[in-house]
Amino acid sequence: MLGKERKAPGSGTMWRATVPAEQRRLITSTLDSVQEQLLQLRGVQSGPTADVARRLLRGLGHSAGLIENAWKRTALAAVNGGVPLEEVAQWVNMSAAVLRDMLTAGGREEDS
């Protein structure tokens, strides 16, 4: 196990050993919901153009929100697991300051 961790990029810690089971379940559940939502969108492609577009956009908007939630939880888990914030920020293609603000704001929103 130690040999695997030494070879791993990033923090050098393993996901399952670092990220609490409840947080892993939340991330997995969110991603499962996104997948289900996107699969359901396949069936709405009939009817008047405005109705179809409205249903697709609402569904995609909901799925996008779930995806955003999942990536924020994953980024937070990585940072809490010891991966430097700057490295995680590179992975999501944003500055470390913006990522820090998003993760901090996300934590306050979840607490309320």
Protein backbone atom coordinates (compact mmCIF):
# COMPACT_ATOMS: atom_id res chain seq x y z
CA MET A 1 0.00 0.00 0.00
CA LEU A 2 2.76 2.44 0.86
CA GLY A 3 4.46 1.69 -2.45
CA LYS A 4 1.26 2.49 -4.34
CA GLU A 5 0.82 5.73 -2.44
CA ARG A 6 4.38 6.84 -3.16
CA LYS A 7 3.84 6.28 -6.89
CA ALA A 8 0.48 8.09 -6.93
CA PRO A 9 0.42 11.64 -8.33
CA GLY A 10 -0.80 14.50 -6.19
CA SER A 11 -0.94 14.17 -2.44
CA GLY A 12 0.38 10.64 -2.30
CA THR A 13 -2.69 9.47 -0.40
CA MET A 14 -5.24 6.99 -1.67
CA TRP A 15 -8.83 8.18 -2.30
CA ARG A 16 -10.58 5.56 -0.17
CA ALA A 17 -8.15 6.02 2.71
CA THR A 18 -8.49 9.81 2.65
CA VAL A 19 -12.06 10.67 1.64
CA PRO A 20 -14.70 9.72 4.22
CA ALA A 21 -17.19 7.07 3.09
CA GLU A 22 -20.15 9.45 3.48
CA GLN A 23 -18.54 12.01 1.17
CA ARG A 24 -17.70 9.31 -1.39
CA ARG A 25 -21.33 8.14 -1.26
CA LEU A 26 -22.59 11.71 -1.82
CA ILE A 27 -20.33 12.17 -4.85
CA THR A 28 -21.32 8.79 -6.30
CA SER A 29 -25.01 9.43 -5.67
CA THR A 30 -24.82 12.84 -7.34
CA LEU A 31 -23.10 11.40 -10.39
CA ASP A 32 -25.66 8.59 -10.57
CA SER A 33 -28.44 11.20 -10.48
CA VAL A 34 -26.79 13.15 -13.30
CA GLN A 35 -26.52 10.03 -15.41
CA GLU A 36 -30.18 9.17 -14.80
CA GLN A 37 -31.29 12.73 -15.61
CA LEU A 38 -29.34 12.76 -18.86
CA LEU A 39 -30.72 9.38 -19.91
CA GLN A 40 -34.26 10.61 -19.29
CA LEU A 41 -33.65 13.57 -21.60
CA ARG A 42 -33.32 11.21 -24.56
CA GLY A 43 -37.05 10.54 -24.49
CA VAL A 44 -38.28 14.14 -24.58
CA GLN A 45 -37.35 14.84 -28.18
CA SER A 46 -40.85 14.92 -29.62
CA GLY A 47 -43.51 17.61 -29.77
CA PRO A 48 -43.50 21.31 -30.65
CA THR A 49 -40.03 22.83 -30.85
CA ALA A 50 -40.58 25.22 -27.94
CA ASP A 51 -41.85 22.45 -25.65
CA VAL A 52 -38.99 20.12 -26.49
CA ALA A 53 -36.40 22.90 -26.09
CA ARG A 54 -37.92 23.94 -22.75
CA ARG A 55 -37.87 20.36 -21.39
CA LEU A 56 -34.33 19.76 -22.65
CA LEU A 57 -33.00 23.04 -21.24
CA ARG A 58 -34.65 22.49 -17.86
CA GLY A 59 -33.29 18.96 -17.71
CA LEU A 60 -29.82 20.04 -18.80
CA GLY A 61 -29.87 22.92 -16.32
CA HIS A 62 -30.76 20.54 -13.51
CA SER A 63 -28.06 18.08 -14.61
CA ALA A 64 -25.49 20.89 -14.85
CA GLY A 65 -26.28 21.86 -11.26
CA LEU A 66 -25.78 18.28 -10.12
CA ILE A 67 -22.48 18.04 -12.01
CA GLU A 68 -21.28 21.31 -10.47
CA ASN A 69 -22.14 19.97 -7.03
CA ALA A 70 -20.23 16.75 -7.75
CA TRP A 71 -17.08 18.46 -8.99
CA LYS A 72 -17.05 20.86 -6.05
CA ARG A 73 -17.41 17.98 -3.60
CA THR A 74 -14.64 16.10 -5.41
CA ALA A 75 -12.34 19.14 -5.45
CA LEU A 76 -12.98 19.71 -1.75
CA ALA A 77 -12.27 16.06 -0.99
CA ALA A 78 -8.99 16.28 -2.92
CA VAL A 79 -7.93 19.43 -1.05
CA ASN A 80 -8.97 17.95 2.31
CA GLY A 81 -7.03 14.82 1.35
CA GLY A 82 -3.83 16.79 1.01
CA VAL A 83 -3.68 17.69 -2.69
CA PRO A 84 -2.46 21.30 -2.95
CA LEU A 85 -5.24 23.75 -3.86
CA GLU A 86 -3.11 25.06 -6.73
CA GLU A 87 -2.90 21.58 -8.25
CA VAL A 88 -6.65 20.98 -7.97
CA ALA A 89 -7.26 24.42 -9.50
CA GLN A 90 -5.18 23.41 -12.52
CA TRP A 91 -7.26 20.26 -12.93
CA VAL A 92 -10.49 22.29 -13.11
CA ASN A 93 -8.85 25.02 -15.22
CA MET A 94 -9.25 27.97 -12.86
CA SER A 95 -7.15 30.06 -10.56
CA ALA A 96 -6.50 28.88 -7.03
CA ALA A 97 -8.14 32.05 -5.65
CA VAL A 98 -11.36 31.46 -7.60
CA LEU A 99 -11.47 27.80 -6.58
CA ARG A 100 -10.85 28.72 -2.93
CA ASP A 101 -13.72 31.24 -3.08
CA MET A 102 -16.05 28.70 -4.71
CA LEU A 103 -15.25 26.00 -2.19
CA THR A 104 -15.59 28.42 0.72
CA ALA A 105 -18.91 29.77 -0.60
CA GLY A 106 -20.12 26.21 -1.20
CA GLY A 107 -19.41 25.29 2.40
CA ARG A 108 -21.37 28.29 3.69
CA GLU A 109 -24.32 27.50 1.37
CA GLU A 110 -24.44 23.86 2.55
CA ASP A 111 -24.38 24.95 6.19
CA SER A 112 -27.44 27.19 5.78
